[in-house]
Amino acid sequence: MKQLTRENGGVVDESTARSINDFAWQCVEHMTDLAVSIPMDDRTAWLTRHYREITSDYEDGSVLAACELCKARYLVTHDKKLAAQANIATKTAVEMADLIAHAHCG
């Protein structure tokens, strides 16, 4: 945003820089409310490239790679296309909450 401000003839003074920084942090907060961050080390990036044969969506490939590398038992998602491509059991958030509740009650 700083670069865009400069490219459009604006000046990035201290107040503007602080506002842009605050906005960037708000974006991070919003994303972490919506999704789980996936660590992207070399192994995950390498495996993600191989998931391109299954999905052309880089984010979905990253999720599938992370699931494989951490040997996840479930993928919790509302993304039906991703669920169909996953090679592990998938659950919606409600289904997973029910599964956890039953495991602790039974």
Protein backbone atom coordinates (compact mmCIF):
# COMPACT_ATOMS: atom_id res chain seq x y z
CA MET A 1 0.00 0.00 0.00
CA LYS A 2 2.94 2.32 0.62
CA GLN A 3 4.21 1.68 -2.89
CA LEU A 4 0.73 2.23 -4.36
CA THR A 5 0.42 5.51 -2.44
CA ARG A 6 3.75 6.71 -3.83
CA GLU A 7 2.90 5.56 -7.37
CA ASN A 8 -0.28 7.63 -7.23
CA GLY A 9 1.63 10.77 -6.20
CA GLY A 10 0.98 10.48 -2.49
CA VAL A 11 3.43 10.92 0.33
CA VAL A 12 3.99 8.25 2.95
CA ASP A 13 4.55 10.26 6.10
CA GLU A 14 4.74 8.74 9.57
CA SER A 15 0.97 8.89 10.10
CA THR A 16 0.23 7.26 6.73
CA ALA A 17 2.82 4.55 7.33
CA ARG A 18 1.30 3.81 10.75
CA SER A 19 -2.21 3.62 9.21
CA ILE A 20 -1.00 1.25 6.49
CA ASN A 21 0.76 -0.90 9.08
CA ASP A 22 -2.39 -1.01 11.22
CA PHE A 23 -4.44 -1.99 8.18
CA ALA A 24 -1.98 -4.77 7.31
CA TRP A 25 -2.30 -6.18 10.83
CA GLN A 26 -6.09 -6.01 10.59
CA CYS A 27 -5.87 -8.05 7.37
CA VAL A 28 -3.74 -10.66 9.16
CA GLU A 29 -6.22 -10.77 12.05
CA HIS A 30 -9.12 -11.22 9.64
CA MET A 31 -7.36 -14.03 7.78
CA THR A 32 -6.53 -15.87 11.00
CA ASP A 33 -10.19 -15.63 11.98
CA LEU A 34 -11.11 -17.33 8.69
CA ALA A 35 -8.36 -19.89 8.23
CA VAL A 36 -5.39 -21.68 9.67
CA SER A 37 -1.93 -20.59 8.64
CA ILE A 38 0.12 -23.29 7.00
CA PRO A 39 3.87 -23.23 7.52
CA MET A 40 5.53 -23.22 4.11
CA ASP A 41 8.87 -24.90 4.42
CA ASP A 42 10.69 -26.45 1.48
CA ARG A 43 8.97 -29.82 1.94
CA THR A 44 5.49 -28.27 1.88
CA ALA A 45 6.30 -26.14 -1.17
CA TRP A 46 7.78 -29.16 -2.98
CA LEU A 47 4.77 -31.36 -2.22
CA THR A 48 2.34 -28.57 -3.11
CA ARG A 49 3.78 -28.54 -6.63
CA HIS A 50 3.00 -32.24 -6.93
CA TYR A 51 -0.60 -31.65 -5.86
CA ARG A 52 -0.98 -29.44 -8.94
CA GLU A 53 -1.96 -32.60 -10.83
CA ILE A 54 -4.92 -32.92 -8.44
CA THR A 55 -5.84 -29.26 -8.03
CA SER A 56 -4.83 -26.15 -9.92
CA ASP A 57 -5.53 -24.05 -6.81
CA TYR A 58 -2.25 -23.35 -5.01
CA GLU A 59 -3.90 -22.79 -1.63
CA ASP A 60 -5.80 -26.08 -1.85
CA GLY A 61 -2.61 -27.86 -2.86
CA SER A 62 -0.84 -26.32 0.13
CA VAL A 63 -3.57 -27.54 2.47
CA LEU A 64 -3.40 -31.06 1.05
CA ALA A 65 0.40 -31.07 1.29
CA ALA A 66 0.33 -29.85 4.90
CA CYS A 67 -2.23 -32.54 5.78
CA GLU A 68 -0.01 -35.22 4.30
CA LEU A 69 3.16 -33.98 5.95
CA CYS A 70 1.64 -33.74 9.43
CA LYS A 71 -0.21 -37.03 8.92
CA ALA A 72 -3.56 -35.40 9.69
CA ARG A 73 -6.47 -37.73 10.30
CA TYR A 74 -9.11 -35.20 9.26
CA LEU A 75 -9.42 -32.10 7.10
CA VAL A 76 -12.08 -29.70 8.37
CA THR A 77 -13.46 -27.61 5.53
CA HIS A 78 -16.63 -26.32 3.95
CA ASP A 79 -14.92 -26.29 0.55
CA LYS A 80 -16.66 -29.14 -1.27
CA LYS A 81 -14.19 -29.16 -4.16
CA LEU A 82 -11.24 -29.42 -1.76
CA ALA A 83 -13.00 -32.14 0.23
CA ALA A 84 -13.53 -34.15 -2.96
CA GLN A 85 -9.82 -33.91 -3.80
CA ALA A 86 -8.52 -34.77 -0.34
CA ASN A 87 -6.94 -38.13 0.30
CA ILE A 88 -7.95 -38.04 3.98
CA ALA A 89 -11.30 -37.96 5.75
CA THR A 90 -13.02 -34.59 5.53
CA LYS A 91 -15.55 -33.06 7.89
CA THR A 92 -17.42 -29.80 8.08
CA ALA A 93 -16.92 -27.78 11.25
CA VAL A 94 -20.27 -29.00 12.63
CA GLU A 95 -19.45 -32.63 11.81
CA MET A 96 -16.07 -32.31 13.49
CA ALA A 97 -17.58 -30.68 16.58
CA ASP A 98 -20.05 -33.57 16.81
CA LEU A 99 -17.26 -36.11 16.42
CA ILE A 100 -15.24 -34.47 19.19
CA ALA A 101 -18.29 -34.21 21.45
CA HIS A 102 -19.11 -37.90 20.95
CA ALA A 103 -15.49 -38.90 21.60
CA HIS A 104 -15.49 -37.07 24.92
CA CYS A 105 -18.93 -38.26 26.00
CA GLY A 106 -18.60 -41.87 25.02
